[in-house]
C-alpha atoms as a PDB file:
ATOM      1  CA  MET A   1     121.881  97.073  72.490  1.00  0.00           C
ATOM      2  CA  ALA A   2     125.235  96.133  74.022  1.00  0.00           C
ATOM      3  CA  HIS A   3     124.426  98.189  77.110  1.00  0.00           C
ATOM      4  CA  ARG A   4     121.125  96.358  77.551  1.00  0.00           C
ATOM      5  CA  THR A   5     122.750  92.952  77.129  1.00  0.00           C
ATOM      6  CA  THR A   6     125.439  93.839  79.692  1.00  0.00           C
ATOM      7  CA  SER A   7     122.885  95.165  82.172  1.00  0.00           C
ATOM      8  CA  ARG A   8     120.754  92.047  81.893  1.00  0.00           C
ATOM      9  CA  LEU A   9     123.768  89.793  82.407  1.00  0.00           C
ATOM     10  CA  LEU A  10     124.753  91.792  85.490  1.00  0.00           C
ATOM     11  CA  LEU A  11     121.224  91.609  86.892  1.00  0.00           C
ATOM     12  CA  LEU A  12     121.061  87.871  86.265  1.00  0.00           C
ATOM     13  CA  LEU A  13     124.417  87.446  88.023  1.00  0.00           C
ATOM     14  CA  GLY A  14     123.111  89.493  90.929  1.00  0.00           C
ATOM     15  CA  ALA A  15     120.028  87.295  91.226  1.00  0.00           C
ATOM     16  CA  VAL A  16     122.230  84.182  91.285  1.00  0.00           C
ATOM     17  CA  LEU A  17     124.437  85.710  94.002  1.00  0.00           C
ATOM     18  CA  VAL A  18     121.379  86.503  96.138  1.00  0.00           C
ATOM     19  CA  LEU A  19     120.124  82.939  95.794  1.00  0.00           C
ATOM     20  CA  LEU A  20     123.535  81.525  96.713  1.00  0.00           C
ATOM     21  CA  TRP A  21     123.678  83.814  99.749  1.00  0.00           C
ATOM     22  CA  TRP A  22     120.136  83.025 100.848  1.00  0.00           C
ATOM     23  CA  VAL A  23     119.896  79.278 100.195  1.00  0.00           C
ATOM     24  CA  ARG A  24     122.021  77.319 102.663  1.00  0.00           C
ATOM     25  CA  PRO A  25     122.090  73.611 103.458  1.00  0.00           C
ATOM     26  CA  PRO A  26     119.791  72.678 106.352  1.00  0.00           C
ATOM     27  CA  SER A  27     121.536  72.367 109.697  1.00  0.00           C
ATOM     28  CA  ASP A  28     120.594  71.597 113.270  1.00  0.00           C
ATOM     29  CA  PRO A  29     121.688  74.427 115.601  1.00  0.00           C
ATOM     30  CA  ALA A  30     121.637  72.071 118.566  1.00  0.00           C
ATOM     31  CA  GLY A  31     123.971  69.747 116.692  1.00  0.00           C
ATOM     32  CA  GLU A  32     126.317  72.667 116.076  1.00  0.00           C
ATOM     33  CA  TRP A  33     126.427  73.377 119.808  1.00  0.00           C
ATOM     34  CA  GLN A  34     127.192  69.756 120.582  1.00  0.00           C
ATOM     35  CA  ALA A  35     130.107  69.862 118.172  1.00  0.00           C
ATOM     36  CA  GLY A  36     131.283  73.189 119.652  1.00  0.00           C
ATOM     37  CA  LEU A  37     130.499  74.222 123.217  1.00  0.00           C
ATOM     38  CA  CYS A  38     128.620  71.159 124.476  1.00  0.00           C
ATOM     39  CA  LEU A  39     131.377  68.635 123.904  1.00  0.00           C
ATOM     40  CA  GLU A  40     130.052  66.268 126.554  1.00  0.00           C
ATOM     41  CA  PRO A  41     126.264  65.922 126.197  1.00  0.00           C
ATOM     42  CA  GLY A  42     124.700  64.656 129.394  1.00  0.00           C
ATOM     43  CA  GLU A  43     127.418  66.299 131.470  1.00  0.00           C
ATOM     44  CA  ARG A  44     127.602  70.004 130.653  1.00  0.00           C
ATOM     45  CA  CYS A  45     124.305  70.038 128.800  1.00  0.00           C
ATOM     46  CA  GLN A  46     121.238  67.995 127.977  1.00  0.00           C
ATOM     47  CA  ARG A  47     119.168  68.113 124.810  1.00  0.00           C
ATOM     48  CA  ILE A  48     115.390  68.337 125.215  1.00  0.00           C
ATOM     49  CA  GLU A  49     113.681  66.527 122.340  1.00  0.00           C
ATOM     50  CA  GLN A  50     110.147  65.849 123.622  1.00  0.00           C
ATOM     51  CA  ALA A  51     107.578  67.492 125.860  1.00  0.00           C
ATOM     52  CA  GLU A  52     104.124  67.033 127.323  1.00  0.00           C
ATOM     53  CA  LEU A  53     101.123  69.226 126.610  1.00  0.00           C
ATOM     54  CA  PRO A  54      99.360  69.800 129.966  1.00  0.00           C
ATOM     55  CA  ASP A  55      96.384  71.402 128.228  1.00  0.00           C
ATOM     56  CA  GLN A  56      95.870  68.236 126.151  1.00  0.00           C
ATOM     57  CA  ASP A  57      95.802  65.639 128.928  1.00  0.00           C
ATOM     58  CA  GLY A  58      99.580  65.405 129.040  1.00  0.00           C
ATOM     59  CA  ALA A  59      99.967  64.253 125.436  1.00  0.00           C
ATOM     60  CA  LEU A  60     103.615  63.569 124.614  1.00  0.00           C
ATOM     61  CA  VAL A  61     104.953  65.246 121.451  1.00  0.00           C
ATOM     62  CA  ALA A  62     108.318  65.235 119.748  1.00  0.00           C
ATOM     63  CA  LEU A  63     110.111  68.539 119.232  1.00  0.00           C
ATOM     64  CA  PRO A  64     110.020  70.565 117.068  1.00  0.00           C
ATOM     65  CA  HIS A  65     106.271  70.906 117.402  1.00  0.00           C
ATOM     66  CA  ALA A  66     103.738  73.554 116.381  1.00  0.00           C
ATOM     67  CA  ARG A  67      99.985  73.911 116.635  1.00  0.00           C
ATOM     68  CA  HIS A  68      98.215  74.785 113.382  1.00  0.00           C
ATOM     69  CA  GLY A  69      94.574  75.430 112.585  1.00  0.00           C
ATOM     70  CA  SER A  70      93.514  76.425 116.086  1.00  0.00           C
ATOM     71  CA  PRO A  71      92.759  79.717 117.830  1.00  0.00           C
ATOM     72  CA  PRO A  72      95.886  81.856 118.416  1.00  0.00           C
ATOM     73  CA  GLU A  73      96.195  81.060 122.115  1.00  0.00           C
ATOM     74  CA  PRO A  74      99.443  80.427 124.018  1.00  0.00           C
ATOM     75  CA  LEU A  75     100.664  76.837 124.061  1.00  0.00           C
ATOM     76  CA  ARG A  76     102.178  75.240 127.168  1.00  0.00           C
ATOM     77  CA  TYR A  77     104.918  72.608 127.161  1.00  0.00           C
ATOM     78  CA  ARG A  78     106.080  70.591 130.149  1.00  0.00           C
ATOM     79  CA  MET A  79     109.320  68.620 130.166  1.00  0.00           C
ATOM     80  CA  HIS A  80     111.863  67.270 132.647  1.00  0.00           C
ATOM     81  CA  PHE A  81     115.630  67.621 132.748  1.00  0.00           C
ATOM     82  CA  GLU A  82     118.288  66.049 134.916  1.00  0.00           C
ATOM     83  CA  VAL A  83     120.993  68.106 136.618  1.00  0.00           C
ATOM     84  CA  THR A  84     124.157  66.125 137.256  1.00  0.00           C
ATOM     85  CA  GLY A  85     127.178  67.036 139.322  1.00  0.00           C
ATOM     86  CA  ARG A  86     129.287  67.545 136.206  1.00  0.00           C
ATOM     87  CA  MET A  87     126.660  69.806 134.628  1.00  0.00           C
ATOM     88  CA  VAL A  88     126.721  72.298 137.510  1.00  0.00           C
ATOM     89  CA  GLY A  89     129.428  74.942 137.095  1.00  0.00           C
ATOM     90  CA  PRO A  90     131.279  76.858 139.831  1.00  0.00           C
ATOM     91  CA  GLY A  91     128.264  79.083 140.513  1.00  0.00           C
ATOM     92  CA  GLY A  92     125.758  76.242 140.346  1.00  0.00           C
ATOM     93  CA  GLU A  93     123.717  78.106 137.715  1.00  0.00           C
ATOM     94  CA  ILE A  94     121.631  76.251 135.136  1.00  0.00           C
ATOM     95  CA  GLY A  95     120.309  77.873 131.982  1.00  0.00           C
ATOM     96  CA  LEU A  96     118.777  77.034 128.649  1.00  0.00           C
ATOM     97  CA  CYS A  97     119.146  78.269 125.114  1.00  0.00           C
ATOM     98  CA  LEU A  98     116.325  78.065 122.611  1.00  0.00           C
ATOM     99  CA  PRO A  99     117.640  78.311 119.042  1.00  0.00           C
ATOM    100  CA  ARG A 100     114.146  79.362 117.966  1.00  0.00           C
ATOM    101  CA  SER A 101     112.524  81.013 120.914  1.00  0.00           C
ATOM    102  CA  ALA A 102     108.994  81.689 119.644  1.00  0.00           C
ATOM    103  CA  LEU A 103     107.378  84.232 121.983  1.00  0.00           C
ATOM    104  CA  VAL A 104     108.144  82.890 125.444  1.00  0.00           C
ATOM    105  CA  GLU A 105     105.546  84.371 127.760  1.00  0.00           C
ATOM    106  CA  ARG A 106     106.113  82.385 130.955  1.00  0.00           C
ATOM    107  CA  VAL A 107     108.736  79.981 132.345  1.00  0.00           C
ATOM    108  CA  GLU A 108     108.446  77.871 135.497  1.00  0.00           C
ATOM    109  CA  VAL A 109     110.850  75.449 137.180  1.00  0.00           C
ATOM    110  CA  ASP A 110     109.157  73.135 139.688  1.00  0.00           C
ATOM    111  CA  GLY A 111     106.229  75.554 139.827  1.00  0.00           C
ATOM    112  CA  ARG A 112     108.356  78.649 140.503  1.00  0.00           C
ATOM    113  CA  ALA A 113     108.285  81.440 137.918  1.00  0.00           C
ATOM    114  CA  VAL A 114     111.536  82.413 136.214  1.00  0.00           C
ATOM    115  CA  ALA A 115     112.168  86.080 135.455  1.00  0.00           C
ATOM    116  CA  LEU A 116     112.173  86.841 131.729  1.00  0.00           C
ATOM    117  CA  PRO A 117     114.767  89.316 130.386  1.00  0.00           C
ATOM    118  CA  ALA A 118     112.227  91.496 128.537  1.00  0.00           C
ATOM    119  CA  PRO A 119     108.618  91.451 127.327  1.00  0.00           C
ATOM    120  CA  PRO A 120     108.254  89.305 124.205  1.00  0.00           C
ATOM    121  CA  SER A 121     108.564  91.219 120.943  1.00  0.00           C
ATOM    122  CA  PRO A 122     107.099  90.111 117.585  1.00  0.00           C
ATOM    123  CA  ARG A 123     110.494  90.482 115.890  1.00  0.00           C
ATOM    124  CA  GLY A 124     111.936  88.070 118.457  1.00  0.00           C
ATOM    125  CA  PHE A 125     109.844  85.291 116.963  1.00  0.00           C
ATOM    126  CA  LEU A 126     112.088  82.367 115.958  1.00  0.00           C
ATOM    127  CA  ARG A 127     115.163  84.126 117.383  1.00  0.00           C
ATOM    128  CA  PRO A 128     117.660  82.540 119.817  1.00  0.00           C
ATOM    129  CA  LEU A 129     116.867  83.114 123.475  1.00  0.00           C
ATOM    130  CA  HIS A 130     118.966  82.438 126.591  1.00  0.00           C
ATOM    131  CA  LEU A 131     117.335  82.118 130.014  1.00  0.00           C
ATOM    132  CA  ARG A 132     118.836  81.455 133.448  1.00  0.00           C
ATOM    133  CA  LEU A 133     116.687  78.867 135.190  1.00  0.00           C
ATOM    134  CA  LEU A 134     118.337  78.037 138.516  1.00  0.00           C
ATOM    135  CA  HIS A 135     120.817  79.536 140.975  1.00  0.00           C
ATOM    136  CA  ALA A 136     122.959  77.230 143.114  1.00  0.00           C
ATOM    137  CA  ALA A 137     121.232  74.209 141.621  1.00  0.00           C
ATOM    138  CA  ALA A 138     121.546  70.868 143.347  1.00  0.00           C
ATOM    139  CA  PRO A 139     121.810  67.642 141.347  1.00  0.00           C
ATOM    140  CA  GLY A 140     118.411  66.087 140.700  1.00  0.00           C
ATOM    141  CA  ARG A 141     115.382  66.008 138.441  1.00  0.00           C
ATOM    142  CA  TYR A 142     113.485  69.213 137.662  1.00  0.00           C
ATOM    143  CA  GLU A 143     110.234  70.031 135.884  1.00  0.00           C
ATOM    144  CA  LEU A 144     110.258  72.834 133.322  1.00  0.00           C
ATOM    145  CA  LEU A 145     107.146  74.567 131.993  1.00  0.00           C
ATOM    146  CA  LEU A 146     107.300  76.873 128.965  1.00  0.00           C
ATOM    147  CA  GLN A 147     104.352  78.918 127.754  1.00  0.00           C
ATOM    148  CA  VAL A 148     104.853  80.226 124.215  1.00  0.00           C
ATOM    149  CA  GLY A 149     102.769  82.326 121.899  1.00  0.00           C
ATOM    150  CA  ALA A 150     103.095  83.650 118.372  1.00  0.00           C
ATOM    151  CA  PRO A 151     102.337  86.855 116.484  1.00  0.00           C
ATOM    152  CA  PRO A 152      98.827  86.944 114.963  1.00  0.00           C
ATOM    153  CA  GLY A 153      98.624  84.681 111.942  1.00  0.00           C
ATOM    154  CA  LEU A 154     101.577  82.478 112.932  1.00  0.00           C
ATOM    155  CA  ALA A 155     101.445  79.164 114.778  1.00  0.00           C
ATOM    156  CA  PRO A 156     102.869  78.853 118.304  1.00  0.00           C
ATOM    157  CA  GLY A 157     105.370  76.070 118.769  1.00  0.00           C
ATOM    158  CA  LEU A 158     108.667  74.944 120.231  1.00  0.00           C
ATOM    159  CA  GLY A 159     111.830  73.407 118.805  1.00  0.00           C
ATOM    160  CA  THR A 160     114.555  71.277 120.359  1.00  0.00           C
ATOM    161  CA  PHE A 161     116.836  73.080 122.809  1.00  0.00           C
ATOM    162  CA  TRP A 162     119.566  72.526 125.385  1.00  0.00           C
ATOM    163  CA  VAL A 163     119.658  72.807 129.178  1.00  0.00           C
ATOM    164  CA  GLY A 164     122.961  72.904 131.021  1.00  0.00           C
ATOM    165  CA  ASP A 165     125.672  75.017 132.601  1.00  0.00           C
ATOM    166  CA  ASP A 166     124.474  78.618 132.337  1.00  0.00           C
ATOM    167  CA  ASP A 167     127.789  79.994 131.064  1.00  0.00           C
ATOM    168  CA  ALA A 168     127.890  77.408 128.273  1.00  0.00           C
ATOM    169  CA  MET A 169     124.261  78.093 127.354  1.00  0.00           C
ATOM    170  CA  ALA A 170     124.815  81.867 127.299  1.00  0.00           C
ATOM    171  CA  ALA A 171     127.899  81.482 125.091  1.00  0.00           C
ATOM    172  CA  ALA A 172     126.130  79.087 122.728  1.00  0.00           C
ATOM    173  CA  CYS A 173     123.092  81.339 122.393  1.00  0.00           C
ATOM    174  CA  ALA A 174     125.227  84.439 121.851  1.00  0.00           C
ATOM    175  CA  GLU A 175     127.190  82.674 119.121  1.00  0.00           C
ATOM    176  CA  LEU A 176     124.044  81.495 117.379  1.00  0.00           C
ATOM    177  CA  ALA A 177     122.391  84.930 117.670  1.00  0.00           C
ATOM    178  CA  GLY A 178     125.497  86.536 116.191  1.00  0.00           C
ATOM    179  CA  THR A 179     125.446  84.120 113.271  1.00  0.00           C
ATOM    180  CA  VAL A 180     121.778  84.846 112.555  1.00  0.00           C
ATOM    181  CA  ARG A 181     122.352  88.605 112.857  1.00  0.00           C
ATOM    182  CA  ASP A 182     125.413  88.599 110.606  1.00  0.00           C
ATOM    183  CA  ARG A 183     123.652  86.573 107.911  1.00  0.00           C
ATOM    184  CA  THR A 184     120.584  88.791 107.982  1.00  0.00           C
ATOM    185  CA  TYR A 185     122.497  92.069 107.982  1.00  0.00           C
ATOM    186  CA  GLY A 186     124.908  90.821 105.321  1.00  0.00           C
ATOM    187  CA  LEU A 187     122.062  89.790 103.045  1.00  0.00           C
ATOM    188  CA  THR A 188     120.253  93.077 103.692  1.00  0.00           C
ATOM    189  CA  TRP A 189     123.257  95.201 102.728  1.00  0.00           C
ATOM    190  CA  VAL A 190     123.995  93.136  99.621  1.00  0.00           C
ATOM    191  CA  MET A 191     120.409  93.352  98.407  1.00  0.00           C
ATOM    192  CA  ALA A 192     120.122  97.062  99.256  1.00  0.00           C
ATOM    193  CA  ALA A 193     123.280  97.844  97.273  1.00  0.00           C
ATOM    194  CA  MET A 194     122.102  95.770  94.321  1.00  0.00           C
ATOM    195  CA  GLY A 195     118.667  97.365  94.435  1.00  0.00           C
ATOM    196  CA  MET A 196     120.029 100.912  94.413  1.00  0.00           C
ATOM    197  CA  ALA A 197     122.484 100.030  91.625  1.00  0.00           C
ATOM    198  CA  SER A 198     119.641  98.549  89.581  1.00  0.00           C
ATOM    199  CA  LEU A 199     117.493 101.663  90.021  1.00  0.00           C
ATOM    200  CA  LEU A 200     120.412 103.885  89.012  1.00  0.00           C
ATOM    201  CA  LEU A 201     120.923 101.674  85.953  1.00  0.00           C
ATOM    202  CA  TRP A 202     117.251 102.051  85.078  1.00  0.00           C
ATOM    203  CA  ALA A 203     117.449 105.832  85.504  1.00  0.00           C
ATOM    204  CA  ARG A 204     120.426 105.898  83.163  1.00  0.00           C
ATOM    205  CA  LEU A 205     119.362 103.448  80.457  1.00  0.00           C
ATOM    206  CA  ARG A 206     115.612 103.093  81.069  1.00  0.00           C
ATOM    207  CA  ASP A 207     116.201  99.330  81.138  1.00  0.00           C
ATOM    208  CA  GLY A 208     113.051  97.442  82.217  1.00  0.00           C
ATOM    209  CA  PRO A 209     114.749  94.471  83.958  1.00  0.00           C
ATOM    210  CA  ALA A 210     116.837  96.887  86.042  1.00  0.00           C
ATOM    211  CA  LEU A 211     113.690  98.602  87.358  1.00  0.00           C
ATOM    212  CA  TRP A 212     111.885  95.391  88.261  1.00  0.00           C
ATOM    213  CA  PHE A 213     114.979  93.796  89.814  1.00  0.00           C
ATOM    214  CA  GLY A 214     115.595  96.915  91.896  1.00  0.00           C
ATOM    215  CA  LEU A 215     112.022  96.938  93.195  1.00  0.00           C
ATOM    216  CA  THR A 216     112.238  93.203  93.961  1.00  0.00           C
ATOM    217  CA  THR A 217     115.384  93.543  96.058  1.00  0.00           C
ATOM    218  CA  LEU A 218     114.154  96.639  97.907  1.00  0.00           C
ATOM    219  CA  ALA A 219     110.916  94.825  98.795  1.00  0.00           C
ATOM    220  CA  TRP A 220     113.023  92.057 100.370  1.00  0.00           C
ATOM    221  CA  VAL A 221     115.117  94.657 102.220  1.00  0.00           C
ATOM    222  CA  PHE A 222     111.949  96.079 103.764  1.00  0.00           C
ATOM    223  CA  HIS A 223     110.863  92.581 104.839  1.00  0.00           C
ATOM    224  CA  LEU A 224     114.248  91.774 106.377  1.00  0.00           C
ATOM    225  CA  TRP A 225     114.256  95.082 108.229  1.00  0.00           C
ATOM    226  CA  LEU A 226     110.835  94.316 109.645  1.00  0.00           C
ATOM    227  CA  VAL A 227     111.981  90.868 110.829  1.00  0.00           C
ATOM    228  CA  SER A 228     115.296  91.943 112.356  1.00  0.00           C
ATOM    229  CA  ALA A 229     115.174  95.630 113.265  1.00  0.00           C
ATOM    230  CA  ALA A 230     111.569  96.774 113.698  1.00  0.00           C
ATOM    231  CA  PRO A 231     110.929  98.629 117.002  1.00  0.00           C
ATOM    232  CA  ARG A 232     110.125  96.336 119.921  1.00  0.00           C
ATOM    233  CA  THR A 233     107.171  98.577 120.802  1.00  0.00           C
ATOM    234  CA  LEU A 234     105.479  97.946 117.438  1.00  0.00           C
ATOM    235  CA  ASP A 235     101.967  96.605 117.920  1.00  0.00           C
ATOM    236  CA  PRO A 236     101.929  92.808 117.337  1.00  0.00           C
ATOM    237  CA  VAL A 237      98.867  92.972 115.098  1.00  0.00           C
ATOM    238  CA  LEU A 238     100.413  95.702 112.946  1.00  0.00           C
ATOM    239  CA  TRP A 239     103.733  93.836 112.852  1.00  0.00           C
ATOM    240  CA  SER A 240     101.977  90.665 111.723  1.00  0.00           C
ATOM    241  CA  ARG A 241     100.100  92.463 108.935  1.00  0.00           C
ATOM    242  CA  LEU A 242     103.299  94.085 107.693  1.00  0.00           C
ATOM    243  CA  PHE A 243     105.133  90.758 107.970  1.00  0.00           C
ATOM    244  CA  PHE A 244     102.681  88.927 105.702  1.00  0.00           C
ATOM    245  CA  ALA A 245     102.302  91.889 103.330  1.00  0.00           C
ATOM    246  CA  THR A 246     106.045  92.267 102.783  1.00  0.00           C
ATOM    247  CA  ARG A 247     106.490  88.522 102.268  1.00  0.00           C
ATOM    248  CA  VAL A 248     104.539  88.773  99.007  1.00  0.00           C
ATOM    249  CA  LEU A 249     105.435  92.350  98.091  1.00  0.00           C
ATOM    250  CA  PHE A 250     108.301  91.185  95.888  1.00  0.00           C
ATOM    251  CA  LEU A 251     106.243  88.755  93.773  1.00  0.00           C
ATOM    252  CA  ALA A 252     104.838  91.228  91.239  1.00  0.00           C
ATOM    253  CA  PRO A 253     108.147  92.991  90.395  1.00  0.00           C
ATOM    254  CA  ALA A 254     109.944  89.621  90.405  1.00  0.00           C
ATOM    255  CA  LEU A 255     107.500  88.239  87.828  1.00  0.00           C
ATOM    256  CA  LEU A 256     107.847  91.350  85.675  1.00  0.00           C
ATOM    257  CA  TYR A 257     111.642  91.077  86.005  1.00  0.00           C
ATOM    258  CA  VAL A 258     111.609  87.489  84.735  1.00  0.00           C
ATOM    259  CA  LEU A 259     109.313  88.387  81.841  1.00  0.00           C
ATOM    260  CA  ALA A 260     111.452  91.369  80.877  1.00  0.00           C
ATOM    261  CA  LEU A 261     114.676  89.398  81.237  1.00  0.00           C
ATOM    262  CA  THR A 262     113.439  86.615  78.956  1.00  0.00           C
ATOM    263  CA  GLY A 263     112.210  89.106  76.386  1.00  0.00           C
ATOM    264  CA  VAL A 264     108.536  88.104  76.638  1.00  0.00           C
ATOM    265  CA  SER A 265     107.325  91.627  77.349  1.00  0.00           C
ATOM    266  CA  ALA A 266     109.538  93.060  74.604  1.00  0.00           C
ATOM    267  CA  SER A 267     108.199  90.565  72.059  1.00  0.00           C
ATOM    268  CA  ARG A 268     104.641  91.423  73.044  1.00  0.00           C
ATOM    269  CA  ARG A 269     105.329  95.131  72.598  1.00  0.00           C
ATOM    270  CA  SER A 270     106.890  94.366  69.229  1.00  0.00           C
ATOM    271  CA  ASP A 271     103.838  92.337  68.190  1.00  0.00           C
ATOM    272  CA  ARG A 272     101.474  95.123  69.221  1.00  0.00           C
ATOM    273  CA  LYS A 273     103.569  97.673  67.360  1.00  0.00           C
ATOM    274  CA  SER A 274     103.610  95.584  64.179  1.00  0.00           C
ATOM    275  CA  THR A 275      99.852  95.051  64.476  1.00  0.00           C
ATOM    276  CA  ARG A 276      99.263  98.800  64.698  1.00  0.00           C
ATOM    277  CA  LEU A 277     101.512  99.396  61.698  1.00  0.00           C
ATOM    278  CA  ASN A 278      99.733  96.766  59.651  1.00  0.00           C
ATOM    279  CA  SER A 279      96.349  98.190  60.507  1.00  0.00           C
ATOM    280  CA  SER A 280      97.480 101.707  59.589  1.00  0.00           C
ATOM    281  CA  HIS A 281      98.847 100.473  56.234  1.00  0.00           C
ATOM    282  CA  SER A 282      95.617  98.607  55.478  1.00  0.00           C
ATOM    283  CA  GLN A 283      93.648 101.771  56.091  1.00  0.00           C
END
């Protein structure tokens, strides 16, 4: 009995640690850049907060924006940015960094296509993306067109982002991507270790909560792997199906874990056992 009580306390502590690791206060990545690398907004960088939709008669929308309840077709955004003399670095290169990139399929500056670093990958959805827009840019006003898509089942959209000196944008995007990667990998390793420990505990003590908690954490590990480390060549339709399937894969073992942890399932087994005993005695 003491072993079971200890195991349940450890599992409950593990669940609390996962929640504390996962739940973080909301923050604005663009605001973090302004406080860090973009110390002089309007000089080294410019924040883009609204865009036009050319396919919808130039309707003006505030960013972040997404299109829901419509066919999964790419969405085009058109916006303007101003290049100042102080924004242009020694090489005259201008870039952008999207904290949540969606699936960028095409980029144009004043009607000229910009080379993309690689074909869009489903696991790059909502990941930071740095793009170099202009070489030897002259001060002036430029038009930027972004065409974005989304994996099947998800809504295409665009969030706020920054345009400015390419070196500053590359550094900001690399820092943000590293933060996202470290958080994801850290959470994955913590949950994988806790899941394996829980399964070993179940194998040793045959403790129900340990089994269900282990299956819950391993289901989340599979989902995080799919989001962060799945092969880029994975078919988008297959990736989308796995993405949605693994998002709910943990629900059943999590519910059973809660029921076992609170003793509901044990009390039901006890009631059924006493009922069988009573019926056998009456016979």
